[in-house]
N, C-alpha and C. Protein backbone atom coordinates (compact mmCIF):
# COMPACT_ATOMS: atom_id res chain seq x y z
N UNK A 1 20.93 -6.32 -18.11
CA UNK A 1 19.99 -7.18 -17.45
C UNK A 1 18.93 -6.32 -16.75
N UNK A 2 17.69 -6.59 -17.03
CA UNK A 2 16.59 -5.81 -16.47
C UNK A 2 16.31 -6.24 -15.03
N UNK A 3 15.92 -5.29 -14.23
CA UNK A 3 15.55 -5.57 -12.84
C UNK A 3 14.12 -6.12 -12.83
N UNK A 4 13.96 -7.37 -12.43
CA UNK A 4 12.66 -8.05 -12.48
C UNK A 4 11.82 -7.86 -11.21
N UNK A 5 12.36 -7.16 -10.23
CA UNK A 5 11.61 -6.96 -8.98
C UNK A 5 10.35 -6.15 -9.24
N UNK A 6 9.26 -6.43 -8.52
CA UNK A 6 8.04 -5.64 -8.69
C UNK A 6 8.26 -4.20 -8.24
N UNK A 7 7.49 -3.29 -8.81
CA UNK A 7 7.60 -1.87 -8.49
C UNK A 7 6.49 -1.47 -7.52
N UNK A 8 6.85 -0.70 -6.51
CA UNK A 8 5.88 -0.07 -5.62
C UNK A 8 6.04 1.44 -5.80
N UNK A 9 4.96 2.09 -6.20
CA UNK A 9 4.97 3.54 -6.39
C UNK A 9 4.49 4.22 -5.12
N UNK A 10 5.30 5.13 -4.60
CA UNK A 10 4.93 5.91 -3.42
C UNK A 10 4.48 7.28 -3.90
N UNK A 11 3.25 7.63 -3.59
CA UNK A 11 2.72 8.95 -3.93
C UNK A 11 3.03 9.84 -2.73
N UNK A 12 3.99 10.75 -2.93
CA UNK A 12 4.55 11.52 -1.82
C UNK A 12 3.76 12.76 -1.43
N UNK A 13 2.77 13.13 -2.20
CA UNK A 13 2.02 14.35 -1.92
C UNK A 13 1.46 14.28 -0.50
N UNK A 14 1.83 15.25 0.34
CA UNK A 14 1.36 15.30 1.73
C UNK A 14 1.64 14.00 2.48
N UNK A 15 2.87 13.50 2.37
CA UNK A 15 3.24 12.23 2.99
C UNK A 15 4.46 12.46 3.88
N UNK A 16 4.31 13.17 5.01
CA UNK A 16 5.46 13.51 5.85
C UNK A 16 6.12 12.31 6.51
N UNK A 17 5.41 11.20 6.64
CA UNK A 17 5.97 10.04 7.33
C UNK A 17 6.88 9.19 6.46
N UNK A 18 7.03 9.55 5.19
CA UNK A 18 7.82 8.73 4.27
C UNK A 18 9.31 8.81 4.54
N UNK A 19 9.85 9.99 4.78
CA UNK A 19 11.30 10.15 4.91
C UNK A 19 11.92 9.23 5.96
N UNK A 20 11.35 9.11 7.16
CA UNK A 20 11.96 8.19 8.14
C UNK A 20 11.91 6.72 7.72
N UNK A 21 11.02 6.36 6.81
CA UNK A 21 10.87 4.97 6.39
C UNK A 21 11.67 4.63 5.14
N UNK A 22 12.25 5.64 4.50
CA UNK A 22 12.91 5.45 3.21
C UNK A 22 14.04 4.42 3.26
N UNK A 23 14.84 4.41 4.32
CA UNK A 23 15.96 3.47 4.37
C UNK A 23 15.46 2.03 4.46
N UNK A 24 14.39 1.79 5.20
CA UNK A 24 13.82 0.45 5.29
C UNK A 24 13.25 0.02 3.95
N UNK A 25 12.57 0.92 3.27
CA UNK A 25 11.97 0.60 1.97
C UNK A 25 13.03 0.35 0.90
N UNK A 26 14.18 1.02 1.01
CA UNK A 26 15.24 0.87 0.01
C UNK A 26 15.86 -0.53 0.03
N UNK A 27 15.75 -1.25 1.13
CA UNK A 27 16.33 -2.59 1.25
C UNK A 27 15.34 -3.69 0.89
N UNK A 28 14.23 -3.34 0.32
CA UNK A 28 13.15 -4.31 0.06
C UNK A 28 13.42 -5.14 -1.19
N UNK A 29 12.60 -6.17 -1.35
CA UNK A 29 12.71 -7.02 -2.53
C UNK A 29 11.87 -6.48 -3.68
N UNK A 30 11.48 -5.23 -3.59
CA UNK A 30 10.78 -4.56 -4.68
C UNK A 30 11.49 -3.26 -5.00
N UNK A 31 11.28 -2.74 -6.19
CA UNK A 31 11.84 -1.45 -6.57
C UNK A 31 10.88 -0.36 -6.14
N UNK A 32 11.42 0.75 -5.73
CA UNK A 32 10.63 1.87 -5.24
C UNK A 32 10.66 3.00 -6.26
N UNK A 33 9.50 3.49 -6.62
CA UNK A 33 9.38 4.68 -7.46
C UNK A 33 8.59 5.69 -6.65
N UNK A 34 8.91 6.96 -6.81
CA UNK A 34 8.18 7.99 -6.07
C UNK A 34 7.66 9.05 -7.02
N UNK A 35 6.57 9.67 -6.63
CA UNK A 35 5.99 10.75 -7.42
C UNK A 35 5.27 11.69 -6.46
N UNK A 36 5.57 12.98 -6.52
CA UNK A 36 4.95 13.91 -5.59
C UNK A 36 3.56 14.42 -6.02
N UNK A 37 3.15 14.15 -7.24
CA UNK A 37 1.90 14.72 -7.76
C UNK A 37 0.95 13.59 -8.16
N UNK A 38 -0.25 13.57 -7.61
CA UNK A 38 -1.17 12.46 -7.86
C UNK A 38 -1.54 12.32 -9.33
N UNK A 39 -1.77 13.41 -10.04
CA UNK A 39 -2.16 13.33 -11.45
C UNK A 39 -1.06 12.64 -12.28
N UNK A 40 0.19 12.97 -12.01
CA UNK A 40 1.30 12.35 -12.71
C UNK A 40 1.44 10.89 -12.29
N UNK A 41 1.23 10.62 -11.00
CA UNK A 41 1.31 9.24 -10.51
C UNK A 41 0.23 8.37 -11.14
N UNK A 42 -0.97 8.90 -11.32
CA UNK A 42 -2.05 8.14 -11.99
C UNK A 42 -1.66 7.80 -13.42
N UNK A 43 -1.02 8.73 -14.10
CA UNK A 43 -0.56 8.49 -15.47
C UNK A 43 0.52 7.39 -15.48
N UNK A 44 1.46 7.47 -14.54
CA UNK A 44 2.51 6.45 -14.42
C UNK A 44 1.91 5.07 -14.18
N UNK A 45 0.94 4.99 -13.28
CA UNK A 45 0.29 3.72 -12.95
C UNK A 45 -0.40 3.13 -14.17
N UNK A 46 -1.08 3.98 -14.93
CA UNK A 46 -1.79 3.50 -16.12
C UNK A 46 -0.83 2.94 -17.16
N UNK A 47 0.36 3.54 -17.27
CA UNK A 47 1.33 3.11 -18.27
C UNK A 47 2.22 1.97 -17.78
N UNK A 48 2.63 2.00 -16.52
CA UNK A 48 3.64 1.07 -16.01
C UNK A 48 3.10 -0.12 -15.24
N UNK A 49 1.88 -0.04 -14.75
CA UNK A 49 1.25 -1.14 -14.01
C UNK A 49 2.13 -1.68 -12.88
N UNK A 50 2.46 -0.84 -11.89
CA UNK A 50 3.27 -1.33 -10.77
C UNK A 50 2.49 -2.34 -9.93
N UNK A 51 3.20 -3.08 -9.10
CA UNK A 51 2.55 -4.07 -8.24
C UNK A 51 1.65 -3.40 -7.22
N UNK A 52 2.08 -2.22 -6.73
CA UNK A 52 1.30 -1.53 -5.70
C UNK A 52 1.56 -0.03 -5.74
N UNK A 53 0.61 0.69 -5.18
CA UNK A 53 0.73 2.12 -4.93
C UNK A 53 0.64 2.29 -3.42
N UNK A 54 1.54 3.06 -2.84
CA UNK A 54 1.55 3.31 -1.40
C UNK A 54 1.27 4.79 -1.17
N UNK A 55 0.23 5.06 -0.38
CA UNK A 55 -0.14 6.45 -0.08
C UNK A 55 -0.35 6.63 1.41
N UNK A 56 -0.31 7.87 1.83
CA UNK A 56 -0.58 8.23 3.21
C UNK A 56 -2.02 7.86 3.54
N UNK A 57 -2.25 7.31 4.72
CA UNK A 57 -3.59 6.89 5.13
C UNK A 57 -4.57 8.05 5.20
N UNK A 58 -4.07 9.27 5.37
CA UNK A 58 -4.99 10.42 5.40
C UNK A 58 -5.76 10.55 4.10
N UNK A 59 -5.16 10.11 3.00
CA UNK A 59 -5.86 10.13 1.72
C UNK A 59 -7.11 9.27 1.79
N UNK A 60 -6.97 8.08 2.36
CA UNK A 60 -8.12 7.19 2.51
C UNK A 60 -9.15 7.79 3.46
N UNK A 61 -8.68 8.36 4.55
CA UNK A 61 -9.60 8.92 5.54
C UNK A 61 -10.35 10.14 5.02
N UNK A 62 -9.69 10.94 4.20
CA UNK A 62 -10.32 12.15 3.67
C UNK A 62 -11.20 11.88 2.46
N UNK A 63 -10.76 10.98 1.59
CA UNK A 63 -11.48 10.74 0.34
C UNK A 63 -12.34 9.48 0.35
N UNK A 64 -11.96 8.50 1.16
CA UNK A 64 -12.73 7.26 1.23
C UNK A 64 -12.58 6.39 -0.01
N UNK A 65 -13.53 5.49 -0.23
CA UNK A 65 -13.47 4.53 -1.34
C UNK A 65 -13.33 5.14 -2.73
N UNK A 66 -13.83 6.36 -3.02
CA UNK A 66 -13.61 6.91 -4.36
C UNK A 66 -12.12 7.02 -4.73
N UNK A 67 -11.27 7.20 -3.72
CA UNK A 67 -9.82 7.23 -3.97
C UNK A 67 -9.37 5.89 -4.54
N UNK A 68 -9.80 4.80 -3.92
CA UNK A 68 -9.45 3.46 -4.40
C UNK A 68 -10.01 3.23 -5.80
N UNK A 69 -11.24 3.67 -6.04
CA UNK A 69 -11.86 3.49 -7.36
C UNK A 69 -11.06 4.20 -8.44
N UNK A 70 -10.56 5.39 -8.14
CA UNK A 70 -9.77 6.17 -9.11
C UNK A 70 -8.48 5.43 -9.49
N UNK A 71 -7.78 4.89 -8.49
CA UNK A 71 -6.53 4.19 -8.75
C UNK A 71 -6.78 2.85 -9.44
N UNK A 72 -7.84 2.17 -9.05
CA UNK A 72 -8.17 0.88 -9.67
C UNK A 72 -8.57 1.06 -11.13
N UNK A 73 -9.23 2.17 -11.44
CA UNK A 73 -9.60 2.44 -12.83
C UNK A 73 -8.36 2.69 -13.68
N UNK A 74 -7.35 3.33 -13.10
CA UNK A 74 -6.12 3.63 -13.84
C UNK A 74 -5.32 2.36 -14.12
N UNK A 75 -5.33 1.41 -13.19
CA UNK A 75 -4.58 0.16 -13.35
C UNK A 75 -5.26 -0.93 -12.52
N UNK A 76 -6.18 -1.68 -13.13
CA UNK A 76 -6.98 -2.65 -12.39
C UNK A 76 -6.20 -3.68 -11.58
N UNK A 77 -5.03 -4.09 -11.99
CA UNK A 77 -4.27 -5.11 -11.26
C UNK A 77 -3.36 -4.57 -10.19
N UNK A 78 -3.25 -3.26 -10.08
CA UNK A 78 -2.34 -2.65 -9.11
C UNK A 78 -3.00 -2.57 -7.74
N UNK A 79 -2.29 -3.02 -6.71
CA UNK A 79 -2.80 -2.96 -5.34
C UNK A 79 -2.62 -1.55 -4.82
N UNK A 80 -3.54 -1.09 -4.00
CA UNK A 80 -3.48 0.25 -3.42
C UNK A 80 -3.38 0.08 -1.90
N UNK A 81 -2.24 0.50 -1.35
CA UNK A 81 -1.96 0.38 0.08
C UNK A 81 -1.91 1.76 0.71
N UNK A 82 -2.39 1.85 1.94
CA UNK A 82 -2.37 3.10 2.67
C UNK A 82 -1.55 2.90 3.93
N UNK A 83 -0.71 3.88 4.26
CA UNK A 83 0.20 3.78 5.39
C UNK A 83 -0.08 4.86 6.41
N UNK A 84 -0.21 4.44 7.66
CA UNK A 84 -0.33 5.37 8.79
C UNK A 84 0.86 5.09 9.69
N UNK A 85 1.78 6.04 9.77
CA UNK A 85 2.99 5.87 10.58
C UNK A 85 2.92 6.82 11.78
N UNK A 86 3.21 6.28 12.94
CA UNK A 86 3.20 7.07 14.16
C UNK A 86 4.36 6.62 15.03
N UNK A 87 5.43 7.42 15.05
CA UNK A 87 6.61 7.05 15.83
C UNK A 87 7.20 5.75 15.33
N UNK A 88 7.41 4.78 16.24
CA UNK A 88 8.03 3.51 15.83
C UNK A 88 7.05 2.51 15.23
N UNK A 89 5.77 2.88 15.08
CA UNK A 89 4.76 1.93 14.60
C UNK A 89 4.12 2.39 13.31
N UNK A 90 3.71 1.41 12.51
CA UNK A 90 3.02 1.68 11.24
C UNK A 90 1.81 0.76 11.13
N UNK A 91 0.81 1.25 10.43
CA UNK A 91 -0.34 0.43 10.03
C UNK A 91 -0.43 0.49 8.52
N UNK A 92 -0.37 -0.65 7.88
CA UNK A 92 -0.60 -0.75 6.44
C UNK A 92 -2.04 -1.19 6.26
N UNK A 93 -2.76 -0.52 5.38
CA UNK A 93 -4.17 -0.84 5.15
C UNK A 93 -4.43 -1.04 3.67
N UNK A 94 -5.37 -1.96 3.38
CA UNK A 94 -5.77 -2.20 2.00
C UNK A 94 -7.26 -2.53 1.99
N UNK A 95 -8.00 -1.88 1.10
CA UNK A 95 -9.41 -2.21 0.88
C UNK A 95 -9.46 -3.19 -0.27
N UNK A 96 -10.16 -4.34 -0.11
CA UNK A 96 -10.23 -5.31 -1.21
C UNK A 96 -10.90 -4.72 -2.45
N UNK A 97 -11.90 -3.89 -2.25
CA UNK A 97 -12.51 -3.14 -3.35
C UNK A 97 -13.27 -1.96 -2.76
N UNK A 98 -13.68 -1.04 -3.59
CA UNK A 98 -14.27 0.21 -3.12
C UNK A 98 -15.60 0.02 -2.40
N UNK A 99 -16.28 -1.09 -2.64
CA UNK A 99 -17.61 -1.29 -2.05
C UNK A 99 -17.65 -2.34 -0.96
N UNK A 100 -16.51 -2.86 -0.53
CA UNK A 100 -16.51 -4.03 0.34
C UNK A 100 -16.90 -3.73 1.78
N UNK A 101 -16.61 -2.54 2.28
CA UNK A 101 -16.87 -2.25 3.68
C UNK A 101 -15.88 -2.91 4.61
N UNK A 102 -14.79 -3.46 4.08
CA UNK A 102 -13.76 -4.10 4.89
C UNK A 102 -12.41 -3.50 4.54
N UNK A 103 -11.50 -3.61 5.49
CA UNK A 103 -10.13 -3.17 5.25
C UNK A 103 -9.18 -4.18 5.90
N UNK A 104 -8.14 -4.56 5.18
CA UNK A 104 -7.10 -5.41 5.73
C UNK A 104 -6.10 -4.50 6.43
N UNK A 105 -5.76 -4.82 7.66
CA UNK A 105 -4.83 -4.00 8.45
C UNK A 105 -3.64 -4.86 8.84
N UNK A 106 -2.44 -4.35 8.58
CA UNK A 106 -1.22 -5.06 8.93
C UNK A 106 -0.35 -4.13 9.76
N UNK A 107 -0.35 -4.27 11.10
CA UNK A 107 0.51 -3.44 11.94
C UNK A 107 1.95 -3.95 11.90
N UNK A 108 2.90 -3.04 12.03
CA UNK A 108 4.30 -3.44 12.04
C UNK A 108 5.14 -2.32 12.64
N UNK A 109 6.37 -2.64 12.97
CA UNK A 109 7.31 -1.63 13.40
C UNK A 109 7.80 -0.85 12.19
N UNK A 110 8.21 0.40 12.39
CA UNK A 110 8.66 1.23 11.27
C UNK A 110 9.81 0.58 10.51
N UNK A 111 10.68 -0.12 11.20
CA UNK A 111 11.80 -0.79 10.54
C UNK A 111 11.40 -2.03 9.76
N UNK A 112 10.16 -2.48 9.94
CA UNK A 112 9.68 -3.69 9.26
C UNK A 112 8.69 -3.37 8.14
N UNK A 113 8.61 -2.11 7.73
CA UNK A 113 7.59 -1.71 6.76
C UNK A 113 7.76 -2.44 5.42
N UNK A 114 8.99 -2.63 4.97
CA UNK A 114 9.20 -3.33 3.70
C UNK A 114 8.68 -4.76 3.78
N UNK A 115 8.98 -5.46 4.88
CA UNK A 115 8.50 -6.83 5.05
C UNK A 115 6.97 -6.88 5.13
N UNK A 116 6.36 -5.88 5.75
CA UNK A 116 4.90 -5.84 5.85
C UNK A 116 4.27 -5.62 4.48
N UNK A 117 4.88 -4.78 3.65
CA UNK A 117 4.38 -4.58 2.28
C UNK A 117 4.51 -5.88 1.51
N UNK A 118 5.65 -6.54 1.62
CA UNK A 118 5.86 -7.82 0.94
C UNK A 118 4.82 -8.85 1.39
N UNK A 119 4.51 -8.86 2.68
CA UNK A 119 3.51 -9.80 3.21
C UNK A 119 2.14 -9.54 2.60
N UNK A 120 1.73 -8.28 2.54
CA UNK A 120 0.43 -7.96 1.93
C UNK A 120 0.41 -8.33 0.45
N UNK A 121 1.50 -8.04 -0.25
CA UNK A 121 1.53 -8.33 -1.68
C UNK A 121 1.58 -9.83 -1.97
N UNK A 122 2.02 -10.62 -0.99
CA UNK A 122 2.08 -12.07 -1.20
C UNK A 122 0.70 -12.72 -1.11
N UNK A 123 -0.26 -11.99 -0.58
CA UNK A 123 -1.63 -12.51 -0.46
C UNK A 123 -2.50 -11.92 -1.55
N UNK A 124 -3.47 -12.68 -1.99
CA UNK A 124 -4.44 -12.16 -2.96
C UNK A 124 -5.34 -11.15 -2.25
N UNK A 125 -5.63 -10.02 -2.87
CA UNK A 125 -6.51 -9.04 -2.22
C UNK A 125 -7.91 -9.62 -2.03
N UNK A 126 -8.43 -9.49 -0.82
CA UNK A 126 -9.77 -9.97 -0.55
C UNK A 126 -9.90 -11.47 -0.46
N UNK A 127 -8.78 -12.21 -0.46
CA UNK A 127 -8.86 -13.67 -0.37
C UNK A 127 -9.24 -14.08 1.04
N UNK A 128 -9.69 -15.31 1.18
CA UNK A 128 -10.07 -15.80 2.51
C UNK A 128 -8.88 -15.78 3.45
N UNK A 129 -7.66 -15.99 2.91
CA UNK A 129 -6.47 -15.94 3.76
C UNK A 129 -6.30 -14.56 4.36
N UNK A 130 -6.68 -13.52 3.64
CA UNK A 130 -6.58 -12.17 4.16
C UNK A 130 -7.70 -11.79 5.10
N UNK A 131 -8.73 -12.64 5.22
CA UNK A 131 -9.88 -12.32 6.05
C UNK A 131 -9.80 -12.98 7.43
N UNK A 132 -8.71 -13.62 7.72
CA UNK A 132 -8.55 -14.26 9.01
C UNK A 132 -7.23 -13.82 9.63
N UNK A 133 -7.14 -13.99 10.92
CA UNK A 133 -5.90 -13.66 11.59
C UNK A 133 -4.88 -14.72 11.24
N UNK A 134 -3.66 -14.31 10.92
CA UNK A 134 -2.63 -15.26 10.56
C UNK A 134 -1.83 -15.64 11.81
N UNK A 135 -1.10 -16.77 11.76
CA UNK A 135 -0.41 -17.27 12.95
C UNK A 135 0.53 -16.27 13.63
N UNK A 136 1.10 -15.32 12.89
CA UNK A 136 2.02 -14.39 13.54
C UNK A 136 1.29 -13.24 14.22
N UNK A 137 -0.05 -13.29 14.24
CA UNK A 137 -0.88 -12.31 14.94
C UNK A 137 -0.70 -10.88 14.45
N UNK A 138 -0.29 -10.70 13.19
CA UNK A 138 -0.08 -9.35 12.68
C UNK A 138 -1.16 -8.91 11.70
N UNK A 139 -1.93 -9.83 11.13
CA UNK A 139 -2.88 -9.46 10.10
C UNK A 139 -4.30 -9.57 10.64
N UNK A 140 -5.11 -8.58 10.34
CA UNK A 140 -6.51 -8.61 10.76
C UNK A 140 -7.34 -7.89 9.72
N UNK A 141 -8.62 -8.21 9.66
CA UNK A 141 -9.54 -7.52 8.77
C UNK A 141 -10.64 -6.93 9.63
N UNK A 142 -10.96 -5.69 9.37
CA UNK A 142 -11.96 -4.99 10.16
C UNK A 142 -13.07 -4.51 9.24
N UNK A 143 -14.31 -4.71 9.62
CA UNK A 143 -15.43 -4.17 8.84
C UNK A 143 -15.58 -2.70 9.19
N UNK A 144 -15.80 -1.87 8.17
CA UNK A 144 -15.98 -0.43 8.40
C UNK A 144 -17.37 -0.01 7.99
C-alpha cells in the first residue's frame, strides 16, 4: 500500500535550525524528504513534484525572489516555504509569486511547526484567505 500523504522536501544546506524541529516534523500528516544539496533537490522537485519545499529563511533573505523563481520553474505546483527559527519560536514565510511584493507569515511555536506547515498548505497561495488575518491571529501578510 502506497503512502498517499503529501511530501515536503527540506533542503538542509546551511539549515542549522532543522535538527531541533525534526521530531515535530516527523509526526506530521505529510511525509518528509531531505536533501543537503540544492542542485540535487531541484532535480528531485522537478521529477517528484512534492507539495512543498522548506528552506532556511536566510536563503530568501540572501537571494530574494530569484530563489522562488528557480524553484517554481523546476516544479510550478510546488509551494516554497521559508523557515526562520529562533529558540522556541518559528516564522514560516511564503511568497505568492516572485513579483508580488508580499509575503505570507505564519508565526508558531517550535513544537507546532508541522501544524503551521499544514495550515499554510491548506490555503491556496496568494488567495484572499491568505491576505487577511485569520481568527486564530496567527496568519498575516506583509508587503515588502
